[in-house]
C-alpha cells in the first residue's frame, strides 16, 4: 500500500488567546496546500482514503488539497505519537492512504516508515506541508515541501 504522510500547512499565531486546536491556516498555508495537492495529483499520488486530525489547521489543509475524497477526521491524530500514526497506516482500506497530522509525530512516523530517508535537506525537520510518499516496502517514492514547487 502506498502511504502519504503530510504535516498540515502553515498556521496562524495571530490570536494569542486562541487555543492550539483552533488555530487556522495563515496566508502562506492557504497558498501552499493547493500546490501540494496539485503536485500529488500530477504525480499519480491521489489518495483513495484520508485520515485527518480534527484540528482546524489540518481540516483546512485537507480541504485546500482539493481531493474528491471524504476525509475521516480523527481526534487521535491531534498531536499523535508516531506509534499511533503508524498503527493507523496499517489499518485495512483503499490505497493510497493520506495521513494528515502534526509535528513532531508525523515527522517521526515518516522517519520510522522509510527504509532510507531521502537526501532532501528538509526531511529531518519536516516543515509545514512536508509530504512523504512511501511504498509498501519502505522506499521513498517522493518527498516535497511547498518551497520546492513553483508559486501559482
N, C-alpha and C. Protein backbone atom coordinates (compact mmCIF):
# COMPACT_ATOMS: atom_id res chain seq x y z
N UNK A 1 0.83 -1.18 0.00
CA UNK A 1 0.00 0.00 0.00
C UNK A 1 0.88 1.25 0.00
N UNK A 2 0.54 2.20 -0.82
CA UNK A 2 1.24 3.48 -0.82
C UNK A 2 0.70 4.33 0.32
N UNK A 3 1.61 4.92 1.08
CA UNK A 3 1.27 5.75 2.23
C UNK A 3 1.79 7.15 1.99
N UNK A 4 0.95 8.14 2.25
CA UNK A 4 1.33 9.55 2.15
C UNK A 4 1.23 10.15 3.54
N UNK A 5 2.34 10.65 4.05
CA UNK A 5 2.36 11.31 5.35
C UNK A 5 2.59 12.80 5.15
N UNK A 6 1.68 13.61 5.65
CA UNK A 6 1.73 15.05 5.42
C UNK A 6 1.55 15.81 6.74
N UNK A 7 2.36 16.83 6.90
CA UNK A 7 2.16 17.77 8.00
C UNK A 7 1.23 18.88 7.50
N UNK A 8 0.39 19.41 8.37
CA UNK A 8 -0.51 20.49 8.00
C UNK A 8 0.26 21.69 7.43
N UNK A 9 -0.42 22.52 6.68
CA UNK A 9 0.16 23.74 6.13
C UNK A 9 0.38 24.76 7.25
N UNK A 10 1.06 25.84 6.92
CA UNK A 10 1.45 26.87 7.89
C UNK A 10 0.21 27.49 8.54
N UNK A 11 0.23 27.53 9.86
CA UNK A 11 -0.92 28.05 10.61
C UNK A 11 -0.63 29.42 11.19
N UNK A 12 -1.71 30.06 11.61
CA UNK A 12 -1.64 31.41 12.14
C UNK A 12 -1.42 31.40 13.65
N UNK A 13 -0.61 32.34 14.09
CA UNK A 13 -0.40 32.59 15.52
C UNK A 13 -0.91 33.99 15.86
N UNK A 14 -1.81 34.53 15.00
CA UNK A 14 -2.27 35.90 15.12
C UNK A 14 -3.11 36.21 16.35
N UNK A 15 -3.79 35.24 16.89
CA UNK A 15 -4.63 35.46 18.07
C UNK A 15 -4.04 34.70 19.25
N UNK A 16 -3.35 35.41 20.17
CA UNK A 16 -2.70 34.73 21.28
C UNK A 16 -3.68 34.07 22.25
N UNK A 17 -4.94 34.42 22.18
CA UNK A 17 -5.95 33.82 23.07
C UNK A 17 -6.56 32.55 22.47
N UNK A 18 -6.25 32.28 21.23
CA UNK A 18 -6.83 31.13 20.55
C UNK A 18 -6.13 29.84 20.98
N UNK A 19 -6.89 28.81 21.27
CA UNK A 19 -6.31 27.52 21.63
C UNK A 19 -5.61 26.88 20.44
N UNK A 20 -4.65 26.03 20.74
CA UNK A 20 -3.86 25.38 19.68
C UNK A 20 -4.74 24.62 18.70
N UNK A 21 -5.71 23.88 19.19
CA UNK A 21 -6.57 23.06 18.34
C UNK A 21 -7.37 23.92 17.36
N UNK A 22 -7.62 25.17 17.72
CA UNK A 22 -8.49 26.05 16.92
C UNK A 22 -7.73 26.94 15.94
N UNK A 23 -6.40 26.88 15.92
CA UNK A 23 -5.64 27.78 15.04
C UNK A 23 -5.89 27.46 13.57
N UNK A 24 -6.24 28.49 12.76
CA UNK A 24 -6.46 28.28 11.32
C UNK A 24 -5.16 28.42 10.54
N UNK A 25 -5.25 28.21 9.25
CA UNK A 25 -4.11 28.44 8.37
C UNK A 25 -3.89 29.94 8.19
N UNK A 26 -2.65 30.31 7.94
CA UNK A 26 -2.36 31.69 7.57
C UNK A 26 -2.32 31.78 6.04
N UNK A 27 -1.99 32.94 5.51
CA UNK A 27 -1.97 33.14 4.06
C UNK A 27 -1.03 32.14 3.38
N UNK A 28 0.17 31.98 3.91
CA UNK A 28 1.13 31.04 3.31
C UNK A 28 0.56 29.63 3.28
N UNK A 29 -0.09 29.22 4.35
CA UNK A 29 -0.67 27.89 4.39
C UNK A 29 -1.79 27.70 3.38
N UNK A 30 -2.63 28.74 3.25
CA UNK A 30 -3.73 28.66 2.28
C UNK A 30 -3.22 28.62 0.85
N UNK A 31 -2.02 29.15 0.61
CA UNK A 31 -1.41 29.09 -0.72
C UNK A 31 -0.67 27.78 -0.96
N UNK A 32 -0.05 27.25 0.08
CA UNK A 32 0.79 26.05 -0.07
C UNK A 32 -0.02 24.76 -0.27
N UNK A 33 -1.08 24.60 0.49
CA UNK A 33 -1.82 23.33 0.45
C UNK A 33 -2.35 22.99 -0.94
N UNK A 34 -2.96 23.91 -1.68
CA UNK A 34 -3.42 23.55 -3.03
C UNK A 34 -2.27 23.17 -3.96
N UNK A 35 -1.11 23.78 -3.78
CA UNK A 35 0.05 23.44 -4.61
C UNK A 35 0.51 22.01 -4.32
N UNK A 36 0.51 21.62 -3.05
CA UNK A 36 0.88 20.24 -2.71
C UNK A 36 -0.16 19.26 -3.28
N UNK A 37 -1.43 19.60 -3.16
CA UNK A 37 -2.48 18.76 -3.73
C UNK A 37 -2.32 18.58 -5.23
N UNK A 38 -2.04 19.67 -5.94
CA UNK A 38 -1.84 19.60 -7.39
C UNK A 38 -0.62 18.76 -7.72
N UNK A 39 0.45 18.90 -6.93
CA UNK A 39 1.66 18.11 -7.16
C UNK A 39 1.37 16.61 -6.97
N UNK A 40 0.63 16.27 -5.92
CA UNK A 40 0.29 14.86 -5.69
C UNK A 40 -0.51 14.31 -6.87
N UNK A 41 -1.52 15.04 -7.32
CA UNK A 41 -2.33 14.58 -8.46
C UNK A 41 -1.47 14.43 -9.71
N UNK A 42 -0.63 15.42 -9.99
CA UNK A 42 0.20 15.40 -11.20
C UNK A 42 1.18 14.23 -11.22
N UNK A 43 1.54 13.74 -10.03
CA UNK A 43 2.50 12.64 -9.94
C UNK A 43 1.84 11.29 -9.68
N UNK A 44 0.52 11.24 -9.76
CA UNK A 44 -0.20 9.98 -9.64
C UNK A 44 -0.36 9.50 -8.21
N UNK A 45 -0.32 10.41 -7.24
CA UNK A 45 -0.43 10.03 -5.83
C UNK A 45 -1.74 10.53 -5.21
N UNK A 46 -2.82 10.47 -5.95
CA UNK A 46 -4.11 10.90 -5.43
C UNK A 46 -4.59 9.88 -4.39
N UNK A 47 -4.87 10.33 -3.17
CA UNK A 47 -5.29 9.38 -2.14
C UNK A 47 -6.69 8.82 -2.40
N UNK A 48 -6.86 7.58 -2.02
CA UNK A 48 -8.17 6.95 -2.05
C UNK A 48 -8.85 7.05 -0.69
N UNK A 49 -8.04 7.34 0.33
CA UNK A 49 -8.53 7.44 1.71
C UNK A 49 -7.70 8.48 2.42
N UNK A 50 -8.36 9.30 3.26
CA UNK A 50 -7.67 10.33 4.02
C UNK A 50 -8.06 10.22 5.48
N UNK A 51 -7.05 10.14 6.35
CA UNK A 51 -7.25 10.23 7.79
C UNK A 51 -6.63 11.55 8.23
N UNK A 52 -7.42 12.38 8.91
CA UNK A 52 -7.00 13.75 9.22
C UNK A 52 -7.28 14.08 10.67
N UNK A 53 -6.34 14.77 11.29
CA UNK A 53 -6.53 15.30 12.64
C UNK A 53 -7.75 16.22 12.65
N UNK A 54 -8.35 16.37 13.82
CA UNK A 54 -9.53 17.22 13.97
C UNK A 54 -9.18 18.70 14.14
N UNK A 55 -7.92 19.06 14.27
CA UNK A 55 -7.54 20.46 14.44
C UNK A 55 -7.98 21.29 13.24
N UNK A 56 -8.29 22.56 13.49
CA UNK A 56 -8.74 23.44 12.41
C UNK A 56 -7.71 23.51 11.29
N UNK A 57 -6.43 23.64 11.63
CA UNK A 57 -5.40 23.79 10.60
C UNK A 57 -5.26 22.55 9.73
N UNK A 58 -5.47 21.35 10.28
CA UNK A 58 -5.41 20.14 9.45
C UNK A 58 -6.66 20.01 8.59
N UNK A 59 -7.81 20.36 9.15
CA UNK A 59 -9.06 20.33 8.37
C UNK A 59 -8.97 21.29 7.18
N UNK A 60 -8.45 22.50 7.43
CA UNK A 60 -8.32 23.48 6.35
C UNK A 60 -7.29 23.02 5.32
N UNK A 61 -6.20 22.42 5.77
CA UNK A 61 -5.21 21.88 4.83
C UNK A 61 -5.86 20.82 3.96
N UNK A 62 -6.58 19.92 4.58
CA UNK A 62 -7.23 18.82 3.86
C UNK A 62 -8.19 19.36 2.80
N UNK A 63 -9.00 20.33 3.15
CA UNK A 63 -9.96 20.91 2.19
C UNK A 63 -9.22 21.59 1.04
N UNK A 64 -8.13 22.30 1.35
CA UNK A 64 -7.40 23.05 0.33
C UNK A 64 -6.64 22.14 -0.64
N UNK A 65 -6.37 20.89 -0.25
CA UNK A 65 -5.68 19.96 -1.15
C UNK A 65 -6.52 19.69 -2.40
N UNK A 66 -7.85 19.74 -2.25
CA UNK A 66 -8.74 19.62 -3.39
C UNK A 66 -9.01 18.21 -3.87
N UNK A 67 -8.91 17.23 -2.98
CA UNK A 67 -9.20 15.86 -3.39
C UNK A 67 -10.69 15.57 -3.25
N UNK A 68 -11.19 14.73 -4.14
CA UNK A 68 -12.60 14.33 -4.10
C UNK A 68 -12.74 13.05 -3.27
N UNK A 69 -12.27 13.14 -2.03
CA UNK A 69 -12.31 12.01 -1.09
C UNK A 69 -12.84 12.54 0.23
N UNK A 70 -13.81 11.87 0.78
CA UNK A 70 -14.36 12.29 2.07
C UNK A 70 -13.38 11.89 3.17
N UNK A 71 -12.76 12.87 3.85
CA UNK A 71 -11.79 12.53 4.89
C UNK A 71 -12.47 11.97 6.14
N UNK A 72 -11.72 11.16 6.85
CA UNK A 72 -12.15 10.69 8.17
C UNK A 72 -11.38 11.52 9.19
N UNK A 73 -12.10 12.36 9.93
CA UNK A 73 -11.47 13.21 10.94
C UNK A 73 -11.34 12.43 12.23
N UNK A 74 -10.12 12.37 12.76
CA UNK A 74 -9.83 11.53 13.93
C UNK A 74 -9.17 12.35 15.02
N UNK A 75 -9.78 12.36 16.18
CA UNK A 75 -9.21 13.09 17.32
C UNK A 75 -7.90 12.48 17.78
N UNK A 76 -7.70 11.18 17.54
CA UNK A 76 -6.45 10.55 17.97
C UNK A 76 -5.25 10.97 17.12
N UNK A 77 -5.49 11.69 16.01
CA UNK A 77 -4.39 12.20 15.20
C UNK A 77 -3.94 13.60 15.64
N UNK A 78 -4.71 14.25 16.51
CA UNK A 78 -4.30 15.56 17.01
C UNK A 78 -3.09 15.37 17.93
N UNK A 79 -1.95 15.89 17.48
CA UNK A 79 -0.68 15.77 18.21
C UNK A 79 -0.33 14.31 18.52
N UNK A 80 -0.64 13.42 17.59
CA UNK A 80 -0.44 11.98 17.78
C UNK A 80 1.03 11.60 17.86
N UNK A 81 1.28 10.58 18.65
CA UNK A 81 2.60 9.96 18.72
C UNK A 81 2.83 9.16 17.43
N UNK A 82 4.08 8.95 17.06
CA UNK A 82 4.35 8.20 15.83
C UNK A 82 3.75 6.79 15.84
N UNK A 83 3.71 6.17 17.00
CA UNK A 83 3.15 4.81 17.09
C UNK A 83 1.68 4.80 16.67
N UNK A 84 0.94 5.82 17.08
CA UNK A 84 -0.47 5.93 16.71
C UNK A 84 -0.61 6.09 15.20
N UNK A 85 0.20 6.97 14.63
CA UNK A 85 0.16 7.22 13.19
C UNK A 85 0.49 5.95 12.41
N UNK A 86 1.54 5.26 12.82
CA UNK A 86 1.94 4.04 12.10
C UNK A 86 0.92 2.92 12.27
N UNK A 87 0.27 2.85 13.42
CA UNK A 87 -0.79 1.85 13.60
C UNK A 87 -1.95 2.16 12.66
N UNK A 88 -2.31 3.42 12.53
CA UNK A 88 -3.39 3.79 11.61
C UNK A 88 -3.00 3.50 10.16
N UNK A 89 -1.73 3.65 9.85
CA UNK A 89 -1.25 3.37 8.50
C UNK A 89 -1.42 1.89 8.13
N UNK A 90 -1.45 1.04 9.12
CA UNK A 90 -1.59 -0.41 8.87
C UNK A 90 -3.05 -0.87 8.83
N UNK A 91 -4.01 0.01 9.05
CA UNK A 91 -5.40 -0.40 9.02
C UNK A 91 -5.83 -0.70 7.59
N UNK A 92 -6.64 -1.73 7.41
CA UNK A 92 -7.06 -2.08 6.05
C UNK A 92 -7.94 -0.99 5.43
N UNK A 93 -7.83 -0.88 4.12
CA UNK A 93 -8.64 0.09 3.40
C UNK A 93 -8.00 0.40 2.06
N UNK A 94 -8.69 1.22 1.28
CA UNK A 94 -8.18 1.56 -0.04
C UNK A 94 -6.88 2.36 0.04
N UNK A 95 -6.09 2.25 -1.00
CA UNK A 95 -4.81 2.95 -1.07
C UNK A 95 -4.78 3.78 -2.35
N UNK A 96 -3.98 4.80 -2.39
CA UNK A 96 -3.10 5.31 -1.35
C UNK A 96 -3.85 5.91 -0.17
N UNK A 97 -3.22 5.84 0.98
CA UNK A 97 -3.74 6.41 2.22
C UNK A 97 -2.94 7.66 2.54
N UNK A 98 -3.64 8.76 2.76
CA UNK A 98 -3.02 10.01 3.20
C UNK A 98 -3.35 10.20 4.67
N UNK A 99 -2.31 10.37 5.50
CA UNK A 99 -2.49 10.72 6.90
C UNK A 99 -1.98 12.14 7.07
N UNK A 100 -2.84 13.00 7.57
CA UNK A 100 -2.55 14.42 7.72
C UNK A 100 -2.51 14.76 9.20
N UNK A 101 -1.32 15.16 9.68
CA UNK A 101 -1.17 15.39 11.11
C UNK A 101 -0.21 16.51 11.45
N UNK A 102 0.44 16.34 12.59
CA UNK A 102 1.23 17.40 13.22
C UNK A 102 2.63 16.91 13.57
N UNK A 103 3.55 17.85 13.67
CA UNK A 103 4.86 17.54 14.24
C UNK A 103 4.77 17.59 15.75
N UNK A 104 5.58 16.83 16.46
CA UNK A 104 6.68 16.02 15.95
C UNK A 104 6.27 14.61 15.50
N UNK A 105 5.05 14.20 15.78
CA UNK A 105 4.62 12.83 15.49
C UNK A 105 4.69 12.44 14.03
N UNK A 106 4.23 13.31 13.13
CA UNK A 106 4.20 12.95 11.71
C UNK A 106 5.62 12.82 11.16
N UNK A 107 6.53 13.69 11.61
CA UNK A 107 7.92 13.61 11.16
C UNK A 107 8.57 12.32 11.65
N UNK A 108 8.34 11.97 12.90
CA UNK A 108 8.93 10.75 13.45
C UNK A 108 8.32 9.52 12.78
N UNK A 109 7.02 9.55 12.49
CA UNK A 109 6.38 8.43 11.79
C UNK A 109 7.00 8.25 10.41
N UNK A 110 7.23 9.36 9.71
CA UNK A 110 7.85 9.29 8.38
C UNK A 110 9.26 8.70 8.49
N UNK A 111 10.01 9.15 9.47
CA UNK A 111 11.39 8.65 9.65
C UNK A 111 11.39 7.15 9.93
N UNK A 112 10.42 6.68 10.69
CA UNK A 112 10.35 5.25 11.02
C UNK A 112 9.81 4.41 9.88
N UNK A 113 8.96 5.00 9.04
CA UNK A 113 8.30 4.24 7.97
C UNK A 113 9.20 4.00 6.76
N UNK A 114 10.22 4.82 6.60
CA UNK A 114 11.06 4.70 5.40
C UNK A 114 12.27 3.81 5.65
N UNK A 115 12.64 3.07 4.62
CA UNK A 115 13.82 2.21 4.71
C UNK A 115 15.09 3.05 4.74
N UNK A 116 15.09 4.12 3.96
CA UNK A 116 16.23 5.04 3.90
C UNK A 116 15.66 6.43 3.66
N UNK A 117 16.04 7.40 4.49
CA UNK A 117 15.48 8.74 4.31
C UNK A 117 15.94 9.37 3.00
N UNK A 118 15.11 10.23 2.42
CA UNK A 118 15.54 10.91 1.20
C UNK A 118 16.67 11.88 1.50
N UNK A 119 17.41 12.25 0.48
CA UNK A 119 18.54 13.17 0.64
C UNK A 119 18.08 14.61 0.84
N UNK A 120 16.82 14.86 0.73
CA UNK A 120 16.28 16.22 0.84
C UNK A 120 16.65 16.83 2.20
N UNK A 121 17.15 18.07 2.21
CA UNK A 121 17.59 18.68 3.48
C UNK A 121 16.46 18.96 4.47
N UNK A 122 15.20 18.98 4.03
CA UNK A 122 14.08 19.28 4.92
C UNK A 122 13.41 18.05 5.51
N UNK A 123 13.85 16.86 5.14
CA UNK A 123 13.16 15.67 5.64
C UNK A 123 13.24 15.58 7.16
N UNK A 124 14.38 15.86 7.73
CA UNK A 124 14.54 15.71 9.18
C UNK A 124 13.70 16.70 9.97
N UNK A 125 13.57 17.93 9.49
CA UNK A 125 12.78 18.93 10.22
C UNK A 125 11.30 18.90 9.87
N UNK A 126 10.95 18.33 8.75
CA UNK A 126 9.57 18.16 8.30
C UNK A 126 8.77 19.45 8.47
N UNK A 127 9.08 20.48 7.68
CA UNK A 127 8.39 21.77 7.82
C UNK A 127 6.91 21.65 7.44
N UNK A 128 6.18 22.73 7.64
CA UNK A 128 4.76 22.71 7.34
C UNK A 128 4.51 22.30 5.89
N UNK A 129 3.52 21.46 5.72
CA UNK A 129 3.07 20.88 4.45
C UNK A 129 4.08 19.91 3.82
N UNK A 130 5.12 19.54 4.57
CA UNK A 130 6.03 18.49 4.09
C UNK A 130 5.22 17.23 3.82
N UNK A 131 5.57 16.55 2.74
CA UNK A 131 4.81 15.38 2.31
C UNK A 131 5.77 14.29 1.84
N UNK A 132 5.60 13.10 2.42
CA UNK A 132 6.40 11.94 2.01
C UNK A 132 5.46 10.90 1.43
N UNK A 133 5.83 10.35 0.28
CA UNK A 133 5.08 9.27 -0.34
C UNK A 133 5.95 8.02 -0.21
N UNK A 134 5.38 6.98 0.43
CA UNK A 134 6.16 5.80 0.81
C UNK A 134 5.52 4.54 0.21
N UNK A 135 6.35 3.73 -0.44
CA UNK A 135 5.88 2.44 -0.97
C UNK A 135 5.74 1.45 0.18
N UNK A 136 5.03 0.37 -0.08
CA UNK A 136 4.80 -0.65 0.95
C UNK A 136 6.10 -1.22 1.51
N UNK A 137 7.13 -1.28 0.69
CA UNK A 137 8.41 -1.83 1.14
C UNK A 137 9.30 -0.80 1.84
N UNK A 138 8.78 0.42 2.06
CA UNK A 138 9.54 1.44 2.77
C UNK A 138 10.35 2.36 1.88
N UNK A 139 10.32 2.14 0.58
CA UNK A 139 11.04 3.05 -0.33
C UNK A 139 10.34 4.39 -0.37
N UNK A 140 11.11 5.45 -0.35
CA UNK A 140 10.55 6.79 -0.51
C UNK A 140 10.32 7.00 -2.01
N UNK A 141 9.07 7.14 -2.37
CA UNK A 141 8.72 7.41 -3.76
C UNK A 141 8.88 8.89 -4.07
N UNK A 142 8.63 9.73 -3.07
CA UNK A 142 8.76 11.17 -3.25
C UNK A 142 8.73 11.86 -1.90
N UNK A 143 9.39 13.01 -1.85
CA UNK A 143 9.32 13.90 -0.70
C UNK A 143 9.31 15.31 -1.25
N UNK A 144 8.39 16.13 -0.75
CA UNK A 144 8.26 17.51 -1.26
C UNK A 144 7.84 18.44 -0.13
N UNK A 145 8.30 19.67 -0.24
CA UNK A 145 7.83 20.77 0.63
C UNK A 145 7.38 21.89 -0.30
N UNK A 146 6.53 22.78 0.18
CA UNK A 146 6.00 23.83 -0.70
C UNK A 146 7.04 24.64 -1.43
N UNK A 147 8.15 24.95 -0.79
CA UNK A 147 9.15 25.80 -1.46
C UNK A 147 9.82 25.10 -2.65
N UNK A 148 9.65 23.76 -2.77
CA UNK A 148 10.16 23.04 -3.93
C UNK A 148 9.30 23.27 -5.18
N UNK A 149 8.09 23.77 -4.98
CA UNK A 149 7.12 23.88 -6.07
C UNK A 149 7.00 25.32 -6.54
N UNK A 150 6.70 25.52 -7.83
CA UNK A 150 6.52 26.89 -8.32
C UNK A 150 5.30 27.54 -7.68
N UNK A 151 5.39 28.83 -7.44
CA UNK A 151 4.26 29.58 -6.92
C UNK A 151 3.19 29.68 -7.99
N UNK A 152 1.94 29.74 -7.55
CA UNK A 152 0.85 29.86 -8.52
C UNK A 152 0.23 31.22 -8.48
